[in-house]
Amino acid sequence: MTRNRNNRKSVGIEPIVAAILLIVITVVAAVLLYMWFSGYLSATTSKVSSMATPEQFQVVAASLSATSGLTAYVQNTGSVTVTITGIYLLNSTNGGLICELVNSSGFTPVQINPGTTREVTIAAPIAGCSISSGTTYELLFVTSEGTKYTTSVVASS
């Protein structure tokens, strides 16, 4: 029996070409996945690094009276700028809100750069606030980022 070379069934793609195509497709897919993951990881890392530097501040001194209002010295002890946007007067025994100081007198937010101390003042009369001389109050300072700091103050006359 004689074989005829022309009677062979044709194979669509030679096995070597098919193997090369599979390798190329795998390498391209791996490169695309690497690029996608590296972009995702860098975005996640930048979010975490921004959260790693929280605002840090303290109230060095504060005075409060019905006749002269509020004077406080706020020191930024952190490495990012702090913006004081809210000051609240609280009852020292139960923590209840007595009044919001910033809305009562046209208070504008105070920015404090890292390593500096700024004076924060609210002139009297403080509308809606009943301040009694000799009474201890809590002052709650709130920043634009939501960081809070509470300090006690005894109201003077």
C-alpha atoms as a PDB file:
ATOM      1  CA  MET A   1       0.000   0.000   0.000  1.00  0.00           C
ATOM      2  CA  THR A   2       1.367   3.361  -0.963  1.00  0.00           C
ATOM      3  CA  ARG A   3       0.882   6.542   0.935  1.00  0.00           C
ATOM      4  CA  ASN A   4      -0.026   9.701  -0.818  1.00  0.00           C
ATOM      5  CA  ARG A   5       1.316  12.855   0.791  1.00  0.00           C
ATOM      6  CA  ASN A   6      -1.550  14.934  -0.471  1.00  0.00           C
ATOM      7  CA  ASN A   7      -4.153  12.837   1.378  1.00  0.00           C
ATOM      8  CA  ARG A   8      -3.090  14.081   4.817  1.00  0.00           C
ATOM      9  CA  LYS A   9      -5.667  15.960   6.880  1.00  0.00           C
ATOM     10  CA  SER A  10      -4.582  19.527   7.409  1.00  0.00           C
ATOM     11  CA  VAL A  11      -4.130  20.609  10.995  1.00  0.00           C
ATOM     12  CA  GLY A  12      -5.360  24.172  11.714  1.00  0.00           C
ATOM     13  CA  ILE A  13      -2.288  25.422  13.587  1.00  0.00           C
ATOM     14  CA  GLU A  14       0.928  23.620  14.073  1.00  0.00           C
ATOM     15  CA  PRO A  15       1.543  22.623  17.719  1.00  0.00           C
ATOM     16  CA  ILE A  16       4.656  24.806  17.985  1.00  0.00           C
ATOM     17  CA  VAL A  17       2.813  27.922  16.787  1.00  0.00           C
ATOM     18  CA  ALA A  18      -0.032  27.155  19.208  1.00  0.00           C
ATOM     19  CA  ALA A  19       2.405  26.862  22.117  1.00  0.00           C
ATOM     20  CA  ILE A  20       4.047  30.177  21.212  1.00  0.00           C
ATOM     21  CA  LEU A  21       0.638  31.876  21.011  1.00  0.00           C
ATOM     22  CA  LEU A  22      -0.303  30.551  24.467  1.00  0.00           C
ATOM     23  CA  ILE A  23       2.948  31.835  25.946  1.00  0.00           C
ATOM     24  CA  VAL A  24       2.459  35.296  24.383  1.00  0.00           C
ATOM     25  CA  ILE A  25      -1.138  35.517  25.667  1.00  0.00           C
ATOM     26  CA  THR A  26      -0.037  34.464  29.165  1.00  0.00           C
ATOM     27  CA  VAL A  27       2.783  37.034  29.275  1.00  0.00           C
ATOM     28  CA  VAL A  28       0.462  39.851  28.087  1.00  0.00           C
ATOM     29  CA  ALA A  29      -2.154  38.881  30.696  1.00  0.00           C
ATOM     30  CA  ALA A  30       0.507  38.805  33.438  1.00  0.00           C
ATOM     31  CA  VAL A  31       1.799  42.271  32.457  1.00  0.00           C
ATOM     32  CA  LEU A  32      -1.735  43.724  32.454  1.00  0.00           C
ATOM     33  CA  LEU A  33      -2.468  42.222  35.876  1.00  0.00           C
ATOM     34  CA  TYR A  34       0.809  43.576  37.245  1.00  0.00           C
ATOM     35  CA  MET A  35       0.024  47.077  35.952  1.00  0.00           C
ATOM     36  CA  TRP A  36      -3.479  46.961  37.410  1.00  0.00           C
ATOM     37  CA  PHE A  37      -2.321  45.716  40.826  1.00  0.00           C
ATOM     38  CA  SER A  38       0.563  48.185  41.051  1.00  0.00           C
ATOM     39  CA  GLY A  39      -1.843  51.073  40.344  1.00  0.00           C
ATOM     40  CA  TYR A  40      -4.270  49.766  42.949  1.00  0.00           C
ATOM     41  CA  LEU A  41      -1.551  49.308  45.549  1.00  0.00           C
ATOM     42  CA  SER A  42      -0.075  52.766  45.011  1.00  0.00           C
ATOM     43  CA  ALA A  43      -3.535  54.353  45.384  1.00  0.00           C
ATOM     44  CA  THR A  44      -4.130  52.368  48.583  1.00  0.00           C
ATOM     45  CA  THR A  45      -0.702  53.278  49.950  1.00  0.00           C
ATOM     46  CA  SER A  46      -1.280  57.000  49.348  1.00  0.00           C
ATOM     47  CA  LYS A  47      -4.612  56.831  51.199  1.00  0.00           C
ATOM     48  CA  VAL A  48      -3.005  55.101  54.162  1.00  0.00           C
ATOM     49  CA  SER A  49      -0.123  57.601  54.293  1.00  0.00           C
ATOM     50  CA  SER A  50      -2.569  60.525  54.369  1.00  0.00           C
ATOM     51  CA  MET A  51      -4.416  58.848  57.243  1.00  0.00           C
ATOM     52  CA  ALA A  52      -1.151  58.229  59.097  1.00  0.00           C
ATOM     53  CA  THR A  53      -0.613  61.952  59.828  1.00  0.00           C
ATOM     54  CA  PRO A  54      -3.606  62.955  61.964  1.00  0.00           C
ATOM     55  CA  GLU A  55      -4.178  66.409  63.315  1.00  0.00           C
ATOM     56  CA  GLN A  56      -2.653  67.013  66.730  1.00  0.00           C
ATOM     57  CA  PHE A  57      -3.301  70.085  68.802  1.00  0.00           C
ATOM     58  CA  GLN A  58      -3.788  71.203  72.377  1.00  0.00           C
ATOM     59  CA  VAL A  59      -5.308  74.140  74.196  1.00  0.00           C
ATOM     60  CA  VAL A  60      -2.476  75.703  76.195  1.00  0.00           C
ATOM     61  CA  ALA A  61      -4.628  78.225  78.100  1.00  0.00           C
ATOM     62  CA  ALA A  62      -8.246  79.355  78.054  1.00  0.00           C
ATOM     63  CA  SER A  63     -10.354  81.956  79.827  1.00  0.00           C
ATOM     64  CA  LEU A  64     -14.118  82.432  79.690  1.00  0.00           C
ATOM     65  CA  SER A  65     -16.431  85.076  81.108  1.00  0.00           C
ATOM     66  CA  ALA A  66     -19.838  86.513  80.379  1.00  0.00           C
ATOM     67  CA  THR A  67     -18.378  90.014  80.040  1.00  0.00           C
ATOM     68  CA  SER A  68     -15.221  89.403  77.993  1.00  0.00           C
ATOM     69  CA  GLY A  69     -16.093  86.214  76.073  1.00  0.00           C
ATOM     70  CA  LEU A  70     -13.621  83.442  75.260  1.00  0.00           C
ATOM     71  CA  THR A  71      -9.875  83.640  74.778  1.00  0.00           C
ATOM     72  CA  ALA A  72      -7.951  80.442  74.117  1.00  0.00           C
ATOM     73  CA  TYR A  73      -4.425  79.699  72.971  1.00  0.00           C
ATOM     74  CA  VAL A  74      -4.324  76.667  70.681  1.00  0.00           C
ATOM     75  CA  GLN A  75      -1.008  75.009  69.822  1.00  0.00           C
ATOM     76  CA  ASN A  76      -0.550  72.749  66.787  1.00  0.00           C
ATOM     77  CA  THR A  77       1.705  69.904  67.935  1.00  0.00           C
ATOM     78  CA  GLY A  78       1.357  67.847  64.754  1.00  0.00           C
ATOM     79  CA  SER A  79       2.788  68.002  61.252  1.00  0.00           C
ATOM     80  CA  VAL A  80      -0.333  69.100  59.337  1.00  0.00           C
ATOM     81  CA  THR A  81      -2.258  72.383  59.415  1.00  0.00           C
ATOM     82  CA  VAL A  82      -5.184  72.399  61.845  1.00  0.00           C
ATOM     83  CA  THR A  83      -8.331  74.444  61.172  1.00  0.00           C
ATOM     84  CA  ILE A  84     -10.575  75.084  64.187  1.00  0.00           C
ATOM     85  CA  THR A  85     -14.142  75.233  62.870  1.00  0.00           C
ATOM     86  CA  GLY A  86     -16.229  74.618  65.966  1.00  0.00           C
ATOM     87  CA  ILE A  87     -16.123  75.464  69.670  1.00  0.00           C
ATOM     88  CA  TYR A  88     -18.798  74.150  72.021  1.00  0.00           C
ATOM     89  CA  LEU A  89     -19.538  74.986  75.653  1.00  0.00           C
ATOM     90  CA  LEU A  90     -20.461  71.846  77.593  1.00  0.00           C
ATOM     91  CA  ASN A  91     -21.757  71.167  81.083  1.00  0.00           C
ATOM     92  CA  SER A  92     -18.796  69.779  83.054  1.00  0.00           C
ATOM     93  CA  THR A  93     -20.882  67.351  85.127  1.00  0.00           C
ATOM     94  CA  ASN A  94     -22.938  65.601  82.442  1.00  0.00           C
ATOM     95  CA  GLY A  95     -21.261  66.696  79.188  1.00  0.00           C
ATOM     96  CA  GLY A  96     -24.489  68.233  77.893  1.00  0.00           C
ATOM     97  CA  LEU A  97     -24.316  70.963  75.261  1.00  0.00           C
ATOM     98  CA  ILE A  98     -24.926  74.443  76.654  1.00  0.00           C
ATOM     99  CA  CYS A  99     -24.261  76.385  73.457  1.00  0.00           C
ATOM    100  CA  GLU A 100     -22.239  76.501  70.270  1.00  0.00           C
ATOM    101  CA  LEU A 101     -19.834  79.392  70.596  1.00  0.00           C
ATOM    102  CA  VAL A 102     -18.856  79.772  66.939  1.00  0.00           C
ATOM    103  CA  ASN A 103     -22.358  80.391  65.602  1.00  0.00           C
ATOM    104  CA  SER A 104     -23.162  83.011  68.197  1.00  0.00           C
ATOM    105  CA  SER A 105     -20.665  85.705  67.255  1.00  0.00           C
ATOM    106  CA  GLY A 106     -19.595  85.493  63.609  1.00  0.00           C
ATOM    107  CA  PHE A 107     -16.581  83.278  64.334  1.00  0.00           C
ATOM    108  CA  THR A 108     -14.365  82.553  61.342  1.00  0.00           C
ATOM    109  CA  PRO A 109     -12.332  79.318  61.224  1.00  0.00           C
ATOM    110  CA  VAL A 110      -8.784  79.638  62.566  1.00  0.00           C
ATOM    111  CA  GLN A 111      -5.909  77.926  60.737  1.00  0.00           C
ATOM    112  CA  ILE A 112      -2.915  76.907  62.828  1.00  0.00           C
ATOM    113  CA  ASN A 113       0.288  75.873  61.078  1.00  0.00           C
ATOM    114  CA  PRO A 114       2.427  73.043  62.475  1.00  0.00           C
ATOM    115  CA  GLY A 115       4.539  74.091  65.456  1.00  0.00           C
ATOM    116  CA  THR A 116       2.716  77.380  66.060  1.00  0.00           C
ATOM    117  CA  THR A 117       0.263  78.701  68.657  1.00  0.00           C
ATOM    118  CA  ARG A 118      -2.695  80.932  67.757  1.00  0.00           C
ATOM    119  CA  GLU A 119      -5.052  82.951  69.869  1.00  0.00           C
ATOM    120  CA  VAL A 120      -8.725  82.105  69.354  1.00  0.00           C
ATOM    121  CA  THR A 121     -11.150  84.744  70.606  1.00  0.00           C
ATOM    122  CA  ILE A 122     -14.906  85.071  70.688  1.00  0.00           C
ATOM    123  CA  ALA A 123     -16.131  88.444  71.916  1.00  0.00           C
ATOM    124  CA  ALA A 124     -18.896  88.853  74.478  1.00  0.00           C
ATOM    125  CA  PRO A 125     -21.806  88.800  74.618  1.00  0.00           C
ATOM    126  CA  ILE A 126     -22.084  85.219  73.449  1.00  0.00           C
ATOM    127  CA  ALA A 127     -25.668  84.861  72.279  1.00  0.00           C
ATOM    128  CA  GLY A 128     -27.603  81.934  73.702  1.00  0.00           C
ATOM    129  CA  CYS A 129     -24.942  81.125  76.289  1.00  0.00           C
ATOM    130  CA  SER A 130     -25.628  81.418  79.955  1.00  0.00           C
ATOM    131  CA  ILE A 131     -22.218  81.734  81.624  1.00  0.00           C
ATOM    132  CA  SER A 132     -22.042  81.892  85.426  1.00  0.00           C
ATOM    133  CA  SER A 133     -18.928  83.158  87.196  1.00  0.00           C
ATOM    134  CA  GLY A 134     -17.125  80.483  89.222  1.00  0.00           C
ATOM    135  CA  THR A 135     -18.722  77.603  87.297  1.00  0.00           C
ATOM    136  CA  THR A 136     -16.536  74.979  85.633  1.00  0.00           C
ATOM    137  CA  TYR A 137     -17.305  74.305  81.966  1.00  0.00           C
ATOM    138  CA  GLU A 138     -15.852  72.049  79.303  1.00  0.00           C
ATOM    139  CA  LEU A 139     -14.735  73.635  76.036  1.00  0.00           C
ATOM    140  CA  LEU A 140     -14.837  71.305  73.037  1.00  0.00           C
ATOM    141  CA  PHE A 141     -12.697  72.376  70.073  1.00  0.00           C
ATOM    142  CA  VAL A 142     -13.442  70.670  66.738  1.00  0.00           C
ATOM    143  CA  THR A 143     -11.365  70.847  63.545  1.00  0.00           C
ATOM    144  CA  SER A 144     -12.427  70.673  59.916  1.00  0.00           C
ATOM    145  CA  GLU A 145     -11.262  67.028  59.856  1.00  0.00           C
ATOM    146  CA  GLY A 146     -13.359  66.155  62.907  1.00  0.00           C
ATOM    147  CA  THR A 147     -10.541  65.959  65.457  1.00  0.00           C
ATOM    148  CA  LYS A 148     -11.737  66.963  68.939  1.00  0.00           C
ATOM    149  CA  TYR A 149     -10.015  68.369  72.001  1.00  0.00           C
ATOM    150  CA  THR A 150     -11.717  69.065  75.322  1.00  0.00           C
ATOM    151  CA  THR A 151     -10.417  71.260  78.118  1.00  0.00           C
ATOM    152  CA  SER A 152     -11.888  72.521  81.377  1.00  0.00           C
ATOM    153  CA  VAL A 153     -12.263  76.199  82.162  1.00  0.00           C
ATOM    154  CA  VAL A 154     -13.637  78.063  85.181  1.00  0.00           C
ATOM    155  CA  ALA A 155     -15.681  81.090  84.159  1.00  0.00           C
ATOM    156  CA  SER A 156     -14.578  84.389  85.664  1.00  0.00           C
ATOM    157  CA  SER A 157     -16.539  87.560  86.206  1.00  0.00           C
END
